[in-house]
């Protein structure tokens, strides 16, 4: 699979309405917003954001590995609901 096609598939998965329920997205962004508000003026702000970023990438790549690049169901990821529309 070419890099461009892989990148397009990643964006397709990331912005899929079926990939994450709306309640999960709301909670995720509320927690992220709360952390930003709490630590905005702190010296730890950049460290906390970096840790969150690294953790999110780790989870992303773990699930991507377990789903064989989003081509198999695993955990909450249901391949049948999120089949690629790329040709």
PDB file of N, CA and C in Angstrom:
ATOM      1  N   UNK A   1       0.850  -1.171   0.000  1.00  0.00           N
ATOM      2  CA  UNK A   1       0.000   0.000   0.000  1.00  0.00           C
ATOM      3  C   UNK A   1       0.901   1.241   0.000  1.00  0.00           C
ATOM      4  N   UNK A   2       0.593   2.195  -0.859  1.00  0.00           N
ATOM      5  CA  UNK A   2       1.411   3.398  -0.956  1.00  0.00           C
ATOM      6  C   UNK A   2       1.223   4.284   0.275  1.00  0.00           C
ATOM      7  N   UNK A   3       2.185   5.171   0.483  1.00  0.00           N
ATOM      8  CA  UNK A   3       2.120   6.073   1.634  1.00  0.00           C
ATOM      9  C   UNK A   3       0.880   6.959   1.559  1.00  0.00           C
ATOM     10  N   UNK A   4       0.572   7.471   0.371  1.00  0.00           N
ATOM     11  CA  UNK A   4      -0.596   8.349   0.214  1.00  0.00           C
ATOM     12  C   UNK A   4      -1.879   7.598   0.561  1.00  0.00           C
ATOM     13  N   UNK A   5      -2.000   6.380   0.076  1.00  0.00           N
ATOM     14  CA  UNK A   5      -3.195   5.572   0.357  1.00  0.00           C
ATOM     15  C   UNK A   5      -3.289   5.245   1.848  1.00  0.00           C
ATOM     16  N   UNK A   6      -2.159   4.935   2.460  1.00  0.00           N
ATOM     17  CA  UNK A   6      -2.135   4.656   3.898  1.00  0.00           C
ATOM     18  C   UNK A   6      -2.573   5.883   4.683  1.00  0.00           C
ATOM     19  N   UNK A   7      -2.054   7.044   4.311  1.00  0.00           N
ATOM     20  CA  UNK A   7      -2.413   8.285   4.993  1.00  0.00           C
ATOM     21  C   UNK A   7      -3.897   8.603   4.816  1.00  0.00           C
ATOM     22  N   UNK A   8      -4.418   8.420   3.612  1.00  0.00           N
ATOM     23  CA  UNK A   8      -5.845   8.650   3.375  1.00  0.00           C
ATOM     24  C   UNK A   8      -6.697   7.707   4.217  1.00  0.00           C
ATOM     25  N   UNK A   9      -6.273   6.449   4.336  1.00  0.00           N
ATOM     26  CA  UNK A   9      -7.017   5.480   5.151  1.00  0.00           C
ATOM     27  C   UNK A   9      -6.979   5.877   6.620  1.00  0.00           C
ATOM     28  N   UNK A  10      -5.832   6.365   7.098  1.00  0.00           N
ATOM     29  CA  UNK A  10      -5.720   6.808   8.489  1.00  0.00           C
ATOM     30  C   UNK A  10      -6.705   7.945   8.769  1.00  0.00           C
ATOM     31  N   UNK A  11      -6.787   8.900   7.848  1.00  0.00           N
ATOM     32  CA  UNK A  11      -7.735  10.006   8.024  1.00  0.00           C
ATOM     33  C   UNK A  11      -9.173   9.513   7.939  1.00  0.00           C
ATOM     34  N   UNK A  12      -9.425   8.563   7.064  1.00  0.00           N
ATOM     35  CA  UNK A  12     -10.761   7.995   6.944  1.00  0.00           C
ATOM     36  C   UNK A  12     -11.184   7.330   8.255  1.00  0.00           C
ATOM     37  N   UNK A  13     -10.275   6.596   8.869  1.00  0.00           N
ATOM     38  CA  UNK A  13     -10.564   5.944  10.149  1.00  0.00           C
ATOM     39  C   UNK A  13     -10.718   6.988  11.256  1.00  0.00           C
ATOM     40  N   UNK A  14      -9.821   7.962  11.281  1.00  0.00           N
ATOM     41  CA  UNK A  14      -9.836   8.969  12.346  1.00  0.00           C
ATOM     42  C   UNK A  14     -11.131   9.769  12.365  1.00  0.00           C
ATOM     43  N   UNK A  15     -11.682  10.053  11.205  1.00  0.00           N
ATOM     44  CA  UNK A  15     -12.877  10.892  11.142  1.00  0.00           C
ATOM     45  C   UNK A  15     -14.146  10.109  10.836  1.00  0.00           C
ATOM     46  N   UNK A  16     -14.080   8.793  10.963  1.00  0.00           N
ATOM     47  CA  UNK A  16     -15.254   7.958  10.754  1.00  0.00           C
ATOM     48  C   UNK A  16     -16.267   8.188  11.871  1.00  0.00           C
ATOM     49  N   UNK A  17     -17.520   8.296  11.501  1.00  0.00           N
ATOM     50  CA  UNK A  17     -18.570   8.479  12.514  1.00  0.00           C
ATOM     51  C   UNK A  17     -18.811   7.193  13.303  1.00  0.00           C
ATOM     52  N   UNK A  18     -18.420   6.070  12.740  1.00  0.00           N
ATOM     53  CA  UNK A  18     -18.636   4.782  13.402  1.00  0.00           C
ATOM     54  C   UNK A  18     -17.466   4.356  14.273  1.00  0.00           C
ATOM     55  N   UNK A  19     -16.310   4.988  14.118  1.00  0.00           N
ATOM     56  CA  UNK A  19     -15.112   4.553  14.834  1.00  0.00           C
ATOM     57  C   UNK A  19     -15.226   4.781  16.336  1.00  0.00           C
ATOM     58  N   UNK A  20     -15.766   5.928  16.733  1.00  0.00           N
ATOM     59  CA  UNK A  20     -15.934   6.242  18.149  1.00  0.00           C
ATOM     60  C   UNK A  20     -17.341   6.778  18.370  1.00  0.00           C
ATOM     61  N   UNK A  21     -18.023   6.282  19.390  1.00  0.00           N
ATOM     62  CA  UNK A  21     -19.349   6.821  19.687  1.00  0.00           C
ATOM     63  C   UNK A  21     -19.245   8.298  20.089  1.00  0.00           C
ATOM     64  N   UNK A  22     -20.314   9.032  19.876  1.00  0.00           N
ATOM     65  CA  UNK A  22     -20.313  10.463  20.169  1.00  0.00           C
ATOM     66  C   UNK A  22     -20.040  10.729  21.651  1.00  0.00           C
ATOM     67  N   UNK A  23     -20.555   9.880  22.553  1.00  0.00           N
ATOM     68  CA  UNK A  23     -20.327  10.096  23.982  1.00  0.00           C
ATOM     69  C   UNK A  23     -18.847   9.973  24.307  1.00  0.00           C
ATOM     70  N   UNK A  24     -18.140   9.065  23.629  1.00  0.00           N
ATOM     71  CA  UNK A  24     -16.708   8.887  23.867  1.00  0.00           C
ATOM     72  C   UNK A  24     -15.930  10.108  23.392  1.00  0.00           C
ATOM     73  N   UNK A  25     -16.291  10.624  22.222  1.00  0.00           N
ATOM     74  CA  UNK A  25     -15.619  11.826  21.712  1.00  0.00           C
ATOM     75  C   UNK A  25     -15.841  13.015  22.634  1.00  0.00           C
ATOM     76  N   UNK A  26     -17.072  13.179  23.111  1.00  0.00           N
ATOM     77  CA  UNK A  26     -17.365  14.295  24.018  1.00  0.00           C
ATOM     78  C   UNK A  26     -16.545  14.203  25.298  1.00  0.00           C
ATOM     79  N   UNK A  27     -16.520  13.028  25.907  1.00  0.00           N
ATOM     80  CA  UNK A  27     -15.746  12.847  27.142  1.00  0.00           C
ATOM     81  C   UNK A  27     -14.263  13.076  26.881  1.00  0.00           C
ATOM     82  N   UNK A  28     -13.758  12.549  25.773  1.00  0.00           N
ATOM     83  CA  UNK A  28     -12.345  12.703  25.424  1.00  0.00           C
ATOM     84  C   UNK A  28     -11.969  14.179  25.305  1.00  0.00           C
ATOM     85  N   UNK A  29     -12.775  14.951  24.591  1.00  0.00           N
ATOM     86  CA  UNK A  29     -12.442  16.365  24.401  1.00  0.00           C
ATOM     87  C   UNK A  29     -12.710  17.199  25.653  1.00  0.00           C
ATOM     88  N   UNK A  30     -13.674  16.807  26.469  1.00  0.00           N
ATOM     89  CA  UNK A  30     -13.892  17.494  27.748  1.00  0.00           C
ATOM     90  C   UNK A  30     -12.701  17.293  28.681  1.00  0.00           C
ATOM     91  N   UNK A  31     -12.193  16.082  28.750  1.00  0.00           N
ATOM     92  CA  UNK A  31     -11.017  15.810  29.588  1.00  0.00           C
ATOM     93  C   UNK A  31      -9.808  16.565  29.063  1.00  0.00           C
ATOM     94  N   UNK A  32      -9.589  16.536  27.759  1.00  0.00           N
ATOM     95  CA  UNK A  32      -8.460  17.260  27.174  1.00  0.00           C
ATOM     96  C   UNK A  32      -8.578  18.762  27.432  1.00  0.00           C
ATOM     97  N   UNK A  33      -9.770  19.316  27.236  1.00  0.00           N
ATOM     98  CA  UNK A  33      -9.986  20.741  27.501  1.00  0.00           C
ATOM     99  C   UNK A  33      -9.769  21.091  28.961  1.00  0.00           C
ATOM    100  N   UNK A  34     -10.232  20.237  29.861  1.00  0.00           N
ATOM    101  CA  UNK A  34     -10.045  20.472  31.299  1.00  0.00           C
ATOM    102  C   UNK A  34      -8.569  20.457  31.671  1.00  0.00           C
ATOM    103  N   UNK A  35      -7.825  19.508  31.129  1.00  0.00           N
ATOM    104  CA  UNK A  35      -6.387  19.450  31.406  1.00  0.00           C
ATOM    105  C   UNK A  35      -5.669  20.691  30.883  1.00  0.00           C
ATOM    106  N   UNK A  36      -6.056  21.141  29.709  1.00  0.00           N
ATOM    107  CA  UNK A  36      -5.441  22.353  29.158  1.00  0.00           C
ATOM    108  C   UNK A  36      -5.745  23.552  30.042  1.00  0.00           C
ATOM    109  N   UNK A  37      -6.992  23.691  30.485  1.00  0.00           N
ATOM    110  CA  UNK A  37      -7.354  24.811  31.361  1.00  0.00           C
ATOM    111  C   UNK A  37      -6.616  24.757  32.698  1.00  0.00           C
ATOM    112  N   UNK A  38      -6.485  23.571  33.260  1.00  0.00           N
ATOM    113  CA  UNK A  38      -5.840  23.428  34.570  1.00  0.00           C
ATOM    114  C   UNK A  38      -4.338  23.691  34.518  1.00  0.00           C
ATOM    115  N   UNK A  39      -3.699  23.292  33.443  1.00  0.00           N
ATOM    116  CA  UNK A  39      -2.238  23.361  33.392  1.00  0.00           C
ATOM    117  C   UNK A  39      -1.698  24.415  32.427  1.00  0.00           C
ATOM    118  N   UNK A  40      -2.556  25.294  31.917  1.00  0.00           N
ATOM    119  CA  UNK A  40      -2.147  26.277  30.913  1.00  0.00           C
ATOM    120  C   UNK A  40      -0.952  27.119  31.349  1.00  0.00           C
ATOM    121  N   UNK A  41      -0.977  27.644  32.554  1.00  0.00           N
ATOM    122  CA  UNK A  41       0.092  28.527  33.033  1.00  0.00           C
ATOM    123  C   UNK A  41       1.205  27.757  33.754  1.00  0.00           C
ATOM    124  N   UNK A  42       1.062  26.465  33.861  1.00  0.00           N
ATOM    125  CA  UNK A  42       2.027  25.647  34.591  1.00  0.00           C
ATOM    126  C   UNK A  42       3.277  25.369  33.759  1.00  0.00           C
ATOM    127  N   UNK A  43       4.374  25.149  34.457  1.00  0.00           N
ATOM    128  CA  UNK A  43       5.604  24.760  33.776  1.00  0.00           C
ATOM    129  C   UNK A  43       5.515  23.319  33.268  1.00  0.00           C
ATOM    130  N   UNK A  44       4.566  22.576  33.777  1.00  0.00           N
ATOM    131  CA  UNK A  44       4.382  21.183  33.363  1.00  0.00           C
ATOM    132  C   UNK A  44       3.528  21.044  32.106  1.00  0.00           C
ATOM    133  N   UNK A  45       2.983  22.146  31.617  1.00  0.00           N
ATOM    134  CA  UNK A  45       2.028  22.098  30.505  1.00  0.00           C
ATOM    135  C   UNK A  45       2.568  21.331  29.296  1.00  0.00           C
ATOM    136  N   UNK A  46       3.728  21.708  28.816  1.00  0.00           N
ATOM    137  CA  UNK A  46       4.281  21.047  27.629  1.00  0.00           C
ATOM    138  C   UNK A  46       4.606  19.579  27.892  1.00  0.00           C
ATOM    139  N   UNK A  47       5.068  19.282  29.101  1.00  0.00           N
ATOM    140  CA  UNK A  47       5.361  17.881  29.437  1.00  0.00           C
ATOM    141  C   UNK A  47       4.080  17.049  29.448  1.00  0.00           C
ATOM    142  N   UNK A  48       3.021  17.601  30.015  1.00  0.00           N
ATOM    143  CA  UNK A  48       1.743  16.881  30.083  1.00  0.00           C
ATOM    144  C   UNK A  48       1.179  16.666  28.684  1.00  0.00           C
ATOM    145  N   UNK A  49       1.224  17.700  27.849  1.00  0.00           N
ATOM    146  CA  UNK A  49       0.737  17.566  26.476  1.00  0.00           C
ATOM    147  C   UNK A  49       1.574  16.530  25.713  1.00  0.00           C
ATOM    148  N   UNK A  50       2.886  16.543  25.916  1.00  0.00           N
ATOM    149  CA  UNK A  50       3.760  15.569  25.249  1.00  0.00           C
ATOM    150  C   UNK A  50       3.437  14.148  25.703  1.00  0.00           C
ATOM    151  N   UNK A  51       3.206  13.961  27.001  1.00  0.00           N
ATOM    152  CA  UNK A  51       2.862  12.633  27.524  1.00  0.00           C
ATOM    153  C   UNK A  51       1.531  12.159  26.949  1.00  0.00           C
ATOM    154  N   UNK A  52       0.534  13.040  26.913  1.00  0.00           N
ATOM    155  CA  UNK A  52      -0.769  12.680  26.342  1.00  0.00           C
ATOM    156  C   UNK A  52      -0.617  12.302  24.872  1.00  0.00           C
ATOM    157  N   UNK A  53       0.181  13.068  24.142  1.00  0.00           N
ATOM    158  CA  UNK A  53       0.406  12.798  22.718  1.00  0.00           C
ATOM    159  C   UNK A  53       1.073  11.439  22.519  1.00  0.00           C
ATOM    160  N   UNK A  54       2.096  11.157  23.311  1.00  0.00           N
ATOM    161  CA  UNK A  54       2.807   9.876  23.199  1.00  0.00           C
ATOM    162  C   UNK A  54       1.886   8.713  23.560  1.00  0.00           C
ATOM    163  N   UNK A  55       1.092   8.871  24.615  1.00  0.00           N
ATOM    164  CA  UNK A  55       0.148   7.813  24.995  1.00  0.00           C
ATOM    165  C   UNK A  55      -0.896   7.579  23.903  1.00  0.00           C
ATOM    166  N   UNK A  56      -1.404   8.657  23.326  1.00  0.00           N
ATOM    167  CA  UNK A  56      -2.422   8.495  22.285  1.00  0.00           C
ATOM    168  C   UNK A  56      -1.838   7.831  21.037  1.00  0.00           C
ATOM    169  N   UNK A  57      -0.602   8.186  20.673  1.00  0.00           N
ATOM    170  CA  UNK A  57       0.041   7.518  19.537  1.00  0.00           C
ATOM    171  C   UNK A  57       0.289   6.040  19.828  1.00  0.00           C
ATOM    172  N   UNK A  58       0.678   5.733  21.058  1.00  0.00           N
ATOM    173  CA  UNK A  58       0.907   4.341  21.444  1.00  0.00           C
ATOM    174  C   UNK A  58      -0.378   3.528  21.321  1.00  0.00           C
ATOM    175  N   UNK A  59      -1.472   4.054  21.842  1.00  0.00           N
ATOM    176  CA  UNK A  59      -2.759   3.357  21.744  1.00  0.00           C
ATOM    177  C   UNK A  59      -3.172   3.220  20.276  1.00  0.00           C
ATOM    178  N   UNK A  60      -2.998   4.291  19.512  1.00  0.00           N
ATOM    179  CA  UNK A  60      -3.365   4.256  18.092  1.00  0.00           C
ATOM    180  C   UNK A  60      -2.615   3.149  17.354  1.00  0.00           C
ATOM    181  N   UNK A  61      -1.298   3.125  17.523  1.00  0.00           N
ATOM    182  CA  UNK A  61      -0.511   2.129  16.802  1.00  0.00           C
ATOM    183  C   UNK A  61      -0.747   0.716  17.327  1.00  0.00           C
ATOM    184  N   UNK A  62      -1.068   0.558  18.603  1.00  0.00           N
ATOM    185  CA  UNK A  62      -1.393  -0.762  19.139  1.00  0.00           C
ATOM    186  C   UNK A  62      -2.680  -1.286  18.494  1.00  0.00           C
ATOM    187  N   UNK A  63      -3.716  -0.453  18.457  1.00  0.00           N
ATOM    188  CA  UNK A  63      -4.981  -0.882  17.852  1.00  0.00           C
ATOM    189  C   UNK A  63      -4.796  -1.097  16.352  1.00  0.00           C
ATOM    190  N   UNK A  64      -4.003  -0.236  15.711  1.00  0.00           N
ATOM    191  CA  UNK A  64      -3.727  -0.409  14.276  1.00  0.00           C
ATOM    192  C   UNK A  64      -3.030  -1.750  14.033  1.00  0.00           C
ATOM    193  N   UNK A  65      -2.100  -2.109  14.891  1.00  0.00           N
ATOM    194  CA  UNK A  65      -1.405  -3.396  14.781  1.00  0.00           C
ATOM    195  C   UNK A  65      -2.383  -4.554  14.987  1.00  0.00           C
ATOM    196  N   UNK A  66      -3.224  -4.464  16.013  1.00  0.00           N
ATOM    197  CA  UNK A  66      -4.159  -5.552  16.327  1.00  0.00           C
ATOM    198  C   UNK A  66      -5.231  -5.718  15.243  1.00  0.00           C
ATOM    199  N   UNK A  67      -5.565  -4.639  14.532  1.00  0.00           N
ATOM    200  CA  UNK A  67      -6.580  -4.727  13.482  1.00  0.00           C
ATOM    201  C   UNK A  67      -5.965  -4.945  12.108  1.00  0.00           C
ATOM    202  N   UNK A  68      -4.655  -5.161  12.078  1.00  0.00           N
ATOM    203  CA  UNK A  68      -3.928  -5.352  10.814  1.00  0.00           C
ATOM    204  C   UNK A  68      -4.237  -4.202   9.850  1.00  0.00           C
ATOM    205  N   UNK A  69      -3.885  -3.000  10.301  1.00  0.00           N
ATOM    206  CA  UNK A  69      -4.085  -1.751   9.537  1.00  0.00           C
ATOM    207  C   UNK A  69      -5.559  -1.513   9.222  1.00  0.00           C
ATOM    208  N   UNK A  70      -6.401  -1.695  10.219  1.00  0.00           N
ATOM    209  CA  UNK A  70      -7.840  -1.411  10.161  1.00  0.00           C
ATOM    210  C   UNK A  70      -8.591  -2.355   9.231  1.00  0.00           C
ATOM    211  N   UNK A  71      -8.097  -3.584   9.035  1.00  0.00           N
ATOM    212  CA  UNK A  71      -8.772  -4.531   8.140  1.00  0.00           C
ATOM    213  C   UNK A  71      -9.409  -5.701   8.878  1.00  0.00           C
ATOM    214  N   UNK A  72      -9.360  -5.693  10.215  1.00  0.00           N
ATOM    215  CA  UNK A  72     -10.015  -6.735  11.012  1.00  0.00           C
ATOM    216  C   UNK A  72     -10.649  -6.085  12.233  1.00  0.00           C
ATOM    217  N   UNK A  73     -11.700  -6.697  12.729  1.00  0.00           N
ATOM    218  CA  UNK A  73     -12.341  -6.196  13.943  1.00  0.00           C
ATOM    219  C   UNK A  73     -11.490  -6.530  15.157  1.00  0.00           C
ATOM    220  N   UNK A  74     -11.481  -5.619  16.130  1.00  0.00           N
ATOM    221  CA  UNK A  74     -10.764  -5.842  17.388  1.00  0.00           C
ATOM    222  C   UNK A  74     -11.313  -4.865  18.413  1.00  0.00           C
ATOM    223  N   UNK A  75     -11.672  -5.369  19.597  1.00  0.00           N
ATOM    224  CA  UNK A  75     -12.191  -4.488  20.638  1.00  0.00           C
ATOM    225  C   UNK A  75     -13.434  -3.756  20.162  1.00  0.00           C
ATOM    226  N   UNK A  76     -13.433  -2.436  20.287  1.00  0.00           N
ATOM    227  CA  UNK A  76     -14.575  -1.640  19.850  1.00  0.00           C
ATOM    228  C   UNK A  76     -14.561  -1.357  18.348  1.00  0.00           C
ATOM    229  N   UNK A  77     -13.460  -1.668  17.669  1.00  0.00           N
ATOM    230  CA  UNK A  77     -13.362  -1.427  16.229  1.00  0.00           C
ATOM    231  C   UNK A  77     -14.072  -2.538  15.481  1.00  0.00           C
ATOM    232  N   UNK A  78     -15.095  -2.186  14.708  1.00  0.00           N
ATOM    233  CA  UNK A  78     -15.841  -3.151  13.914  1.00  0.00           C
ATOM    234  C   UNK A  78     -15.551  -2.883  12.442  1.00  0.00           C
ATOM    235  N   UNK A  79     -14.819  -3.781  11.831  1.00  0.00           N
ATOM    236  CA  UNK A  79     -14.398  -3.587  10.444  1.00  0.00           C
ATOM    237  C   UNK A  79     -15.582  -3.486   9.491  1.00  0.00           C
ATOM    238  N   UNK A  80     -16.607  -4.282   9.708  1.00  0.00           N
ATOM    239  CA  UNK A  80     -17.759  -4.281   8.799  1.00  0.00           C
ATOM    240  C   UNK A  80     -18.444  -2.919   8.752  1.00  0.00           C
ATOM    241  N   UNK A  81     -18.463  -2.197   9.863  1.00  0.00           N
ATOM    242  CA  UNK A  81     -19.088  -0.869   9.902  1.00  0.00           C
ATOM    243  C   UNK A  81     -18.173   0.213   9.345  1.00  0.00           C
ATOM    244  N   UNK A  82     -16.883  -0.065   9.248  1.00  0.00           N
ATOM    245  CA  UNK A  82     -15.909   0.959   8.877  1.00  0.00           C
ATOM    246  C   UNK A  82     -15.068   0.581   7.668  1.00  0.00           C
ATOM    247  N   UNK A  83     -15.641  -0.175   6.751  1.00  0.00           N
ATOM    248  CA  UNK A  83     -14.883  -0.576   5.563  1.00  0.00           C
ATOM    249  C   UNK A  83     -14.444   0.655   4.787  1.00  0.00           C
ATOM    250  N   UNK A  84     -13.275   0.541   4.190  1.00  0.00           N
ATOM    251  CA  UNK A  84     -12.718   1.656   3.425  1.00  0.00           C
ATOM    252  C   UNK A  84     -13.529   1.914   2.167  1.00  0.00           C
ATOM    253  N   UNK A  85     -13.695   3.188   1.862  1.00  0.00           N
ATOM    254  CA  UNK A  85     -14.354   3.572   0.626  1.00  0.00           C
ATOM    255  C   UNK A  85     -13.328   3.944  -0.438  1.00  0.00           C
ATOM    256  N   UNK A  86     -12.041   3.784  -0.102  1.00  0.00           N
ATOM    257  CA  UNK A  86     -10.969   4.068  -1.057  1.00  0.00           C
ATOM    258  C   UNK A  86     -10.877   2.939  -2.069  1.00  0.00           C
ATOM    259  N   UNK A  87     -10.558   3.266  -3.280  1.00  0.00           N
ATOM    260  CA  UNK A  87     -10.417   2.232  -4.320  1.00  0.00           C
ATOM    261  C   UNK A  87      -8.981   2.110  -4.725  1.00  0.00           C
TER     262      UNK A  87
END
